[in-house]
Amino acid sequence: MPEDLSFIRGVTQAALHMERAGRGGRTVTTITLKPEIGQKSMELMAKAMRQGLGCGSHIEDAKIVIQGDNRERAKIWLEKHGVKRVV
């Protein structure tokens, strides 16, 4: 992966939530990061997660949104890339 994702190690906490409301019945997983990272870094992280998990992703209201209920897979991916606490 050509992008430098070292900024992910600075994330101390990531909260994963499954949502369905307001999305036409489709399920998504939202990821909120603390401390918040910049827009460009979020876009790089969403792209890396999209490639690593094999699902769609985008940025919405300072959250990363990935398609489907991928909480377990996202947790493993985040821990692998150095996020200290995933809840």
PDB file of N, CA and C in Angstrom:
ATOM      1  N   MET A   1       0.850  -1.182   0.000  1.00  0.00           N
ATOM      2  CA  MET A   1       0.000   0.000   0.000  1.00  0.00           C
ATOM      3  C   MET A   1       0.891   1.239   0.000  1.00  0.00           C
ATOM      4  N   PRO A   2       0.815   2.100  -0.998  1.00  0.00           N
ATOM      5  CA  PRO A   2       1.749   3.210  -1.133  1.00  0.00           C
ATOM      6  C   PRO A   2       1.544   4.334  -0.122  1.00  0.00           C
ATOM      7  N   GLU A   3       0.339   4.524   0.400  1.00  0.00           N
ATOM      8  CA  GLU A   3       0.100   5.631   1.322  1.00  0.00           C
ATOM      9  C   GLU A   3       0.744   5.338   2.668  1.00  0.00           C
ATOM     10  N   ASP A   4       1.194   6.406   3.332  1.00  0.00           N
ATOM     11  CA  ASP A   4       1.761   6.282   4.663  1.00  0.00           C
ATOM     12  C   ASP A   4       0.627   6.344   5.681  1.00  0.00           C
ATOM     13  N   LEU A   5       0.367   5.233   6.359  1.00  0.00           N
ATOM     14  CA  LEU A   5      -0.725   5.163   7.325  1.00  0.00           C
ATOM     15  C   LEU A   5      -0.217   5.222   8.758  1.00  0.00           C
ATOM     16  N   SER A   6       0.964   5.771   8.981  1.00  0.00           N
ATOM     17  CA  SER A   6       1.541   5.818  10.318  1.00  0.00           C
ATOM     18  C   SER A   6       0.716   6.690  11.271  1.00  0.00           C
ATOM     19  N   PHE A   7      -0.084   7.624  10.742  1.00  0.00           N
ATOM     20  CA  PHE A   7      -0.911   8.482  11.584  1.00  0.00           C
ATOM     21  C   PHE A   7      -1.947   7.676  12.368  1.00  0.00           C
ATOM     22  N   ILE A   8      -2.275   6.468  11.917  1.00  0.00           N
ATOM     23  CA  ILE A   8      -3.280   5.651  12.595  1.00  0.00           C
ATOM     24  C   ILE A   8      -2.798   5.280  14.000  1.00  0.00           C
ATOM     25  N   ARG A   9      -1.497   5.142  14.196  1.00  0.00           N
ATOM     26  CA  ARG A   9      -0.974   4.794  15.520  1.00  0.00           C
ATOM     27  C   ARG A   9      -1.263   5.876  16.551  1.00  0.00           C
ATOM     28  N   GLY A  10      -1.523   7.097  16.091  1.00  0.00           N
ATOM     29  CA  GLY A  10      -1.850   8.193  17.008  1.00  0.00           C
ATOM     30  C   GLY A  10      -3.287   8.182  17.479  1.00  0.00           C
ATOM     31  N   VAL A  11      -4.119   7.339  16.886  1.00  0.00           N
ATOM     32  CA  VAL A  11      -5.520   7.231  17.298  1.00  0.00           C
ATOM     33  C   VAL A  11      -5.565   6.384  18.563  1.00  0.00           C
ATOM     34  N   THR A  12      -6.129   6.955  19.636  1.00  0.00           N
ATOM     35  CA  THR A  12      -6.164   6.230  20.903  1.00  0.00           C
ATOM     36  C   THR A  12      -7.416   5.379  21.056  1.00  0.00           C
ATOM     37  N   GLN A  13      -8.511   5.761  20.382  1.00  0.00           N
ATOM     38  CA  GLN A  13      -9.754   4.999  20.517  1.00  0.00           C
ATOM     39  C   GLN A  13     -10.564   5.076  19.231  1.00  0.00           C
ATOM     40  N   ALA A  14     -11.183   3.960  18.894  1.00  0.00           N
ATOM     41  CA  ALA A  14     -12.106   3.903  17.764  1.00  0.00           C
ATOM     42  C   ALA A  14     -13.377   3.232  18.249  1.00  0.00           C
ATOM     43  N   ALA A  15     -14.518   3.880  18.030  1.00  0.00           N
ATOM     44  CA  ALA A  15     -15.819   3.325  18.431  1.00  0.00           C
ATOM     45  C   ALA A  15     -16.538   2.836  17.178  1.00  0.00           C
ATOM     46  N   LEU A  16     -16.953   1.577  17.198  1.00  0.00           N
ATOM     47  CA  LEU A  16     -17.654   0.958  16.073  1.00  0.00           C
ATOM     48  C   LEU A  16     -19.133   0.834  16.403  1.00  0.00           C
ATOM     49  N   HIS A  17     -19.983   1.230  15.455  1.00  0.00           N
ATOM     50  CA  HIS A  17     -21.431   1.122  15.635  1.00  0.00           C
ATOM     51  C   HIS A  17     -22.059   0.606  14.357  1.00  0.00           C
ATOM     52  N   MET A  18     -23.075  -0.231  14.507  1.00  0.00           N
ATOM     53  CA  MET A  18     -23.858  -0.670  13.361  1.00  0.00           C
ATOM     54  C   MET A  18     -25.093   0.223  13.281  1.00  0.00           C
ATOM     55  N   GLU A  19     -25.411   0.708  12.079  1.00  0.00           N
ATOM     56  CA  GLU A  19     -26.587   1.555  11.876  1.00  0.00           C
ATOM     57  C   GLU A  19     -27.404   1.030  10.712  1.00  0.00           C
ATOM     58  N   ARG A  20     -28.699   1.214  10.816  1.00  0.00           N
ATOM     59  CA  ARG A  20     -29.598   0.851   9.738  1.00  0.00           C
ATOM     60  C   ARG A  20     -30.606   1.977   9.480  1.00  0.00           C
ATOM     61  N   ALA A  21     -30.902   2.764  10.499  1.00  0.00           N
ATOM     62  CA  ALA A  21     -31.921   3.810  10.405  1.00  0.00           C
ATOM     63  C   ALA A  21     -31.519   4.889   9.403  1.00  0.00           C
ATOM     64  N   GLY A  22     -32.458   5.281   8.561  1.00  0.00           N
ATOM     65  CA  GLY A  22     -32.228   6.356   7.605  1.00  0.00           C
ATOM     66  C   GLY A  22     -31.376   5.968   6.423  1.00  0.00           C
ATOM     67  N   ARG A  23     -31.192   4.694   6.194  1.00  0.00           N
ATOM     68  CA  ARG A  23     -30.332   4.241   5.107  1.00  0.00           C
ATOM     69  C   ARG A  23     -31.058   3.281   4.170  1.00  0.00           C
ATOM     70  N   GLY A  24     -32.362   3.377   4.141  1.00  0.00           N
ATOM     71  CA  GLY A  24     -33.146   2.561   3.223  1.00  0.00           C
ATOM     72  C   GLY A  24     -33.072   1.075   3.532  1.00  0.00           C
ATOM     73  N   GLY A  25     -32.899   0.722   4.805  1.00  0.00           N
ATOM     74  CA  GLY A  25     -32.839  -0.676   5.189  1.00  0.00           C
ATOM     75  C   GLY A  25     -31.472  -1.307   5.063  1.00  0.00           C
ATOM     76  N   ARG A  26     -30.520  -0.561   4.542  1.00  0.00           N
ATOM     77  CA  ARG A  26     -29.166  -1.104   4.389  1.00  0.00           C
ATOM     78  C   ARG A  26     -28.387  -0.932   5.688  1.00  0.00           C
ATOM     79  N   THR A  27     -27.546  -1.883   5.977  1.00  0.00           N
ATOM     80  CA  THR A  27     -26.740  -1.864   7.196  1.00  0.00           C
ATOM     81  C   THR A  27     -25.360  -1.292   6.884  1.00  0.00           C
ATOM     82  N   VAL A  28     -24.885  -0.414   7.777  1.00  0.00           N
ATOM     83  CA  VAL A  28     -23.534   0.125   7.663  1.00  0.00           C
ATOM     84  C   VAL A  28     -22.865   0.075   9.030  1.00  0.00           C
ATOM     85  N   THR A  29     -21.552   0.126   9.029  1.00  0.00           N
ATOM     86  CA  THR A  29     -20.766   0.219  10.253  1.00  0.00           C
ATOM     87  C   THR A  29     -20.106   1.589  10.259  1.00  0.00           C
ATOM     88  N   THR A  30     -20.303   2.350  11.347  1.00  0.00           N
ATOM     89  CA  THR A  30     -19.669   3.663  11.448  1.00  0.00           C
ATOM     90  C   THR A  30     -18.512   3.573  12.440  1.00  0.00           C
ATOM     91  N   ILE A  31     -17.471   4.319  12.137  1.00  0.00           N
ATOM     92  CA  ILE A  31     -16.265   4.325  12.962  1.00  0.00           C
ATOM     93  C   ILE A  31     -15.971   5.766  13.353  1.00  0.00           C
ATOM     94  N   THR A  32     -15.981   6.041  14.657  1.00  0.00           N
ATOM     95  CA  THR A  32     -15.655   7.346  15.192  1.00  0.00           C
ATOM     96  C   THR A  32     -14.292   7.254  15.858  1.00  0.00           C
ATOM     97  N   LEU A  33     -13.398   8.173  15.523  1.00  0.00           N
ATOM     98  CA  LEU A  33     -12.024   8.137  16.023  1.00  0.00           C
ATOM     99  C   LEU A  33     -11.790   9.216  17.068  1.00  0.00           C
ATOM    100  N   LYS A  34     -10.975   8.869  18.078  1.00  0.00           N
ATOM    101  CA  LYS A  34     -10.549   9.852  19.074  1.00  0.00           C
ATOM    102  C   LYS A  34      -9.052   9.707  19.241  1.00  0.00           C
ATOM    103  N   PRO A  35      -8.274  10.768  19.191  1.00  0.00           N
ATOM    104  CA  PRO A  35      -8.687  12.108  18.795  1.00  0.00           C
ATOM    105  C   PRO A  35      -9.004  12.137  17.309  1.00  0.00           C
ATOM    106  N   GLU A  36      -9.825  13.097  16.919  1.00  0.00           N
ATOM    107  CA  GLU A  36     -10.195  13.205  15.512  1.00  0.00           C
ATOM    108  C   GLU A  36      -8.953  13.500  14.674  1.00  0.00           C
ATOM    109  N   ILE A  37      -8.945  12.966  13.471  1.00  0.00           N
ATOM    110  CA  ILE A  37      -7.841  13.211  12.553  1.00  0.00           C
ATOM    111  C   ILE A  37      -8.356  14.102  11.426  1.00  0.00           C
ATOM    112  N   GLY A  38      -7.467  14.654  10.646  1.00  0.00           N
ATOM    113  CA  GLY A  38      -7.852  15.563   9.571  1.00  0.00           C
ATOM    114  C   GLY A  38      -8.628  14.878   8.459  1.00  0.00           C
ATOM    115  N   GLN A  39      -9.278  15.679   7.640  1.00  0.00           N
ATOM    116  CA  GLN A  39     -10.104  15.168   6.543  1.00  0.00           C
ATOM    117  C   GLN A  39      -9.284  14.327   5.562  1.00  0.00           C
ATOM    118  N   LYS A  40      -8.108  14.814   5.201  1.00  0.00           N
ATOM    119  CA  LYS A  40      -7.265  14.084   4.256  1.00  0.00           C
ATOM    120  C   LYS A  40      -6.842  12.731   4.834  1.00  0.00           C
ATOM    121  N   SER A  41      -6.479  12.715   6.116  1.00  0.00           N
ATOM    122  CA  SER A  41      -6.095  11.462   6.766  1.00  0.00           C
ATOM    123  C   SER A  41      -7.280  10.509   6.843  1.00  0.00           C
ATOM    124  N   MET A  42      -8.472  11.040   7.118  1.00  0.00           N
ATOM    125  CA  MET A  42      -9.673  10.188   7.161  1.00  0.00           C
ATOM    126  C   MET A  42      -9.949   9.566   5.799  1.00  0.00           C
ATOM    127  N   GLU A  43      -9.763  10.350   4.744  1.00  0.00           N
ATOM    128  CA  GLU A  43      -9.985   9.826   3.395  1.00  0.00           C
ATOM    129  C   GLU A  43      -8.980   8.712   3.070  1.00  0.00           C
ATOM    130  N   LEU A  44      -7.716   8.909   3.468  1.00  0.00           N
ATOM    131  CA  LEU A  44      -6.709   7.864   3.260  1.00  0.00           C
ATOM    132  C   LEU A  44      -7.060   6.601   4.040  1.00  0.00           C
ATOM    133  N   MET A  45      -7.520   6.790   5.277  1.00  0.00           N
ATOM    134  CA  MET A  45      -7.878   5.643   6.104  1.00  0.00           C
ATOM    135  C   MET A  45      -9.100   4.913   5.547  1.00  0.00           C
ATOM    136  N   ALA A  46     -10.093   5.662   5.083  1.00  0.00           N
ATOM    137  CA  ALA A  46     -11.286   5.045   4.489  1.00  0.00           C
ATOM    138  C   ALA A  46     -10.905   4.248   3.243  1.00  0.00           C
ATOM    139  N   LYS A  47     -10.001   4.793   2.450  1.00  0.00           N
ATOM    140  CA  LYS A  47      -9.561   4.091   1.243  1.00  0.00           C
ATOM    141  C   LYS A  47      -8.822   2.806   1.604  1.00  0.00           C
ATOM    142  N   ALA A  48      -7.939   2.890   2.600  1.00  0.00           N
ATOM    143  CA  ALA A  48      -7.191   1.711   3.025  1.00  0.00           C
ATOM    144  C   ALA A  48      -8.125   0.647   3.597  1.00  0.00           C
ATOM    145  N   MET A  49      -9.141   1.065   4.348  1.00  0.00           N
ATOM    146  CA  MET A  49     -10.109   0.109   4.894  1.00  0.00           C
ATOM    147  C   MET A  49     -10.943  -0.501   3.781  1.00  0.00           C
ATOM    148  N   ARG A  50     -11.303   0.302   2.816  1.00  0.00           N
ATOM    149  CA  ARG A  50     -12.079  -0.192   1.668  1.00  0.00           C
ATOM    150  C   ARG A  50     -11.305  -1.299   0.958  1.00  0.00           C
ATOM    151  N   GLN A  51     -10.005  -1.084   0.752  1.00  0.00           N
ATOM    152  CA  GLN A  51      -9.177  -2.081   0.084  1.00  0.00           C
ATOM    153  C   GLN A  51      -8.914  -3.284   0.978  1.00  0.00           C
ATOM    154  N   GLY A  52      -8.670  -3.038   2.254  1.00  0.00           N
ATOM    155  CA  GLY A  52      -8.342  -4.119   3.171  1.00  0.00           C
ATOM    156  C   GLY A  52      -9.517  -5.013   3.526  1.00  0.00           C
ATOM    157  N   LEU A  53     -10.712  -4.426   3.612  1.00  0.00           N
ATOM    158  CA  LEU A  53     -11.893  -5.192   3.994  1.00  0.00           C
ATOM    159  C   LEU A  53     -12.721  -5.645   2.802  1.00  0.00           C
ATOM    160  N   GLY A  54     -12.456  -5.093   1.632  1.00  0.00           N
ATOM    161  CA  GLY A  54     -13.199  -5.492   0.442  1.00  0.00           C
ATOM    162  C   GLY A  54     -14.640  -5.033   0.459  1.00  0.00           C
ATOM    163  N   CYS A  55     -14.882  -3.824   0.973  1.00  0.00           N
ATOM    164  CA  CYS A  55     -16.244  -3.286   0.995  1.00  0.00           C
ATOM    165  C   CYS A  55     -16.169  -1.782   0.748  1.00  0.00           C
ATOM    166  N   GLY A  56     -17.296  -1.185   0.437  1.00  0.00           N
ATOM    167  CA  GLY A  56     -17.340   0.247   0.175  1.00  0.00           C
ATOM    168  C   GLY A  56     -17.167   1.058   1.447  1.00  0.00           C
ATOM    169  N   SER A  57     -16.633   2.266   1.315  1.00  0.00           N
ATOM    170  CA  SER A  57     -16.494   3.156   2.466  1.00  0.00           C
ATOM    171  C   SER A  57     -16.514   4.604   1.996  1.00  0.00           C
ATOM    172  N   HIS A  58     -16.908   5.483   2.909  1.00  0.00           N
ATOM    173  CA  HIS A  58     -16.865   6.911   2.647  1.00  0.00           C
ATOM    174  C   HIS A  58     -16.829   7.659   3.972  1.00  0.00           C
ATOM    175  N   ILE A  59     -16.654   8.982   3.892  1.00  0.00           N
ATOM    176  CA  ILE A  59     -16.616   9.837   5.070  1.00  0.00           C
ATOM    177  C   ILE A  59     -17.962  10.548   5.188  1.00  0.00           C
ATOM    178  N   GLU A  60     -18.504  10.589   6.408  1.00  0.00           N
ATOM    179  CA  GLU A  60     -19.794  11.239   6.643  1.00  0.00           C
ATOM    180  C   GLU A  60     -19.802  11.794   8.067  1.00  0.00           C
ATOM    181  N   ASP A  61     -19.932  13.099   8.213  1.00  0.00           N
ATOM    182  CA  ASP A  61     -20.002  13.760   9.526  1.00  0.00           C
ATOM    183  C   ASP A  61     -18.854  13.355  10.457  1.00  0.00           C
ATOM    184  N   ALA A  62     -17.622  13.451  10.000  1.00  0.00           N
ATOM    185  CA  ALA A  62     -16.416  13.122  10.768  1.00  0.00           C
ATOM    186  C   ALA A  62     -16.390  11.667  11.214  1.00  0.00           C
ATOM    187  N   LYS A  63     -17.063  10.787  10.471  1.00  0.00           N
ATOM    188  CA  LYS A  63     -17.053   9.354  10.739  1.00  0.00           C
ATOM    189  C   LYS A  63     -16.708   8.621   9.454  1.00  0.00           C
ATOM    190  N   ILE A  64     -16.075   7.473   9.600  1.00  0.00           N
ATOM    191  CA  ILE A  64     -15.858   6.593   8.459  1.00  0.00           C
ATOM    192  C   ILE A  64     -17.030   5.633   8.420  1.00  0.00           C
ATOM    193  N   VAL A  65     -17.672   5.522   7.270  1.00  0.00           N
ATOM    194  CA  VAL A  65     -18.828   4.638   7.106  1.00  0.00           C
ATOM    195  C   VAL A  65     -18.436   3.541   6.127  1.00  0.00           C
ATOM    196  N   ILE A  66     -18.542   2.281   6.576  1.00  0.00           N
ATOM    197  CA  ILE A  66     -18.263   1.156   5.683  1.00  0.00           C
ATOM    198  C   ILE A  66     -19.534   0.343   5.503  1.00  0.00           C
ATOM    199  N   GLN A  67     -19.690  -0.215   4.335  1.00  0.00           N
ATOM    200  CA  GLN A  67     -20.911  -0.937   3.995  1.00  0.00           C
ATOM    201  C   GLN A  67     -20.972  -2.275   4.717  1.00  0.00           C
ATOM    202  N   GLY A  68     -22.159  -2.614   5.184  1.00  0.00           N
ATOM    203  CA  GLY A  68     -22.390  -3.902   5.833  1.00  0.00           C
ATOM    204  C   GLY A  68     -22.046  -3.883   7.308  1.00  0.00           C
ATOM    205  N   ASP A  69     -22.410  -4.956   7.986  1.00  0.00           N
ATOM    206  CA  ASP A  69     -22.080  -5.117   9.399  1.00  0.00           C
ATOM    207  C   ASP A  69     -20.700  -5.750   9.471  1.00  0.00           C
ATOM    208  N   ASN A  70     -19.686  -4.912   9.456  1.00  0.00           N
ATOM    209  CA  ASN A  70     -18.293  -5.373   9.443  1.00  0.00           C
ATOM    210  C   ASN A  70     -17.562  -4.971  10.714  1.00  0.00           C
ATOM    211  N   ARG A  71     -18.262  -4.977  11.850  1.00  0.00           N
ATOM    212  CA  ARG A  71     -17.640  -4.548  13.101  1.00  0.00           C
ATOM    213  C   ARG A  71     -16.451  -5.426  13.488  1.00  0.00           C
ATOM    214  N   GLU A  72     -16.602  -6.731  13.413  1.00  0.00           N
ATOM    215  CA  GLU A  72     -15.509  -7.625  13.812  1.00  0.00           C
ATOM    216  C   GLU A  72     -14.310  -7.494  12.881  1.00  0.00           C
ATOM    217  N   ARG A  73     -14.570  -7.473  11.580  1.00  0.00           N
ATOM    218  CA  ARG A  73     -13.471  -7.343  10.619  1.00  0.00           C
ATOM    219  C   ARG A  73     -12.780  -5.988  10.757  1.00  0.00           C
ATOM    220  N   ALA A  74     -13.566  -4.925  10.984  1.00  0.00           N
ATOM    221  CA  ALA A  74     -12.989  -3.592  11.148  1.00  0.00           C
ATOM    222  C   ALA A  74     -12.161  -3.525  12.431  1.00  0.00           C
ATOM    223  N   LYS A  75     -12.631  -4.163  13.493  1.00  0.00           N
ATOM    224  CA  LYS A  75     -11.885  -4.182  14.756  1.00  0.00           C
ATOM    225  C   LYS A  75     -10.520  -4.828  14.556  1.00  0.00           C
ATOM    226  N   ILE A  76     -10.493  -5.957  13.888  1.00  0.00           N
ATOM    227  CA  ILE A  76      -9.224  -6.651  13.624  1.00  0.00           C
ATOM    228  C   ILE A  76      -8.307  -5.772  12.786  1.00  0.00           C
ATOM    229  N   TRP A  77      -8.848  -5.117  11.761  1.00  0.00           N
ATOM    230  CA  TRP A  77      -8.059  -4.255  10.885  1.00  0.00           C
ATOM    231  C   TRP A  77      -7.472  -3.079  11.674  1.00  0.00           C
ATOM    232  N   LEU A  78      -8.290  -2.442  12.501  1.00  0.00           N
ATOM    233  CA  LEU A  78      -7.830  -1.289  13.281  1.00  0.00           C
ATOM    234  C   LEU A  78      -6.744  -1.692  14.276  1.00  0.00           C
ATOM    235  N   GLU A  79      -6.944  -2.814  14.968  1.00  0.00           N
ATOM    236  CA  GLU A  79      -5.939  -3.270  15.932  1.00  0.00           C
ATOM    237  C   GLU A  79      -4.633  -3.619  15.228  1.00  0.00           C
ATOM    238  N   LYS A  80      -4.738  -4.222  14.062  1.00  0.00           N
ATOM    239  CA  LYS A  80      -3.548  -4.585  13.281  1.00  0.00           C
ATOM    240  C   LYS A  80      -2.743  -3.338  12.884  1.00  0.00           C
ATOM    241  N   HIS A  81      -3.446  -2.228  12.654  1.00  0.00           N
ATOM    242  CA  HIS A  81      -2.780  -0.997  12.223  1.00  0.00           C
ATOM    243  C   HIS A  81      -2.431  -0.058  13.368  1.00  0.00           C
ATOM    244  N   GLY A  82      -2.568  -0.518  14.633  1.00  0.00           N
ATOM    245  CA  GLY A  82      -2.035   0.240  15.739  1.00  0.00           C
ATOM    246  C   GLY A  82      -2.992   1.077  16.558  1.00  0.00           C
ATOM    247  N   VAL A  83      -4.303   0.952  16.350  1.00  0.00           N
ATOM    248  CA  VAL A  83      -5.252   1.685  17.195  1.00  0.00           C
ATOM    249  C   VAL A  83      -5.219   1.019  18.567  1.00  0.00           C
ATOM    250  N   LYS A  84      -5.059   1.835  19.616  1.00  0.00           N
ATOM    251  CA  LYS A  84      -4.841   1.298  20.949  1.00  0.00           C
ATOM    252  C   LYS A  84      -6.080   0.666  21.568  1.00  0.00           C
ATOM    253  N   ARG A  85      -7.259   1.233  21.357  1.00  0.00           N
ATOM    254  CA  ARG A  85      -8.486   0.727  21.985  1.00  0.00           C
ATOM    255  C   ARG A  85      -9.614   0.773  20.967  1.00  0.00           C
ATOM    256  N   VAL A  86     -10.264  -0.363  20.749  1.00  0.00           N
ATOM    257  CA  VAL A  86     -11.384  -0.453  19.822  1.00  0.00           C
ATOM    258  C   VAL A  86     -12.595  -0.925  20.626  1.00  0.00           C
ATOM    259  N   VAL A  87     -13.649  -0.099  20.651  1.00  0.00           N
ATOM    260  CA  VAL A  87     -14.877  -0.456  21.400  1.00  0.00           C
ATOM    261  C   VAL A  87     -16.059  -0.498  20.474  1.00  0.00           C
TER     262      VAL A  87
END
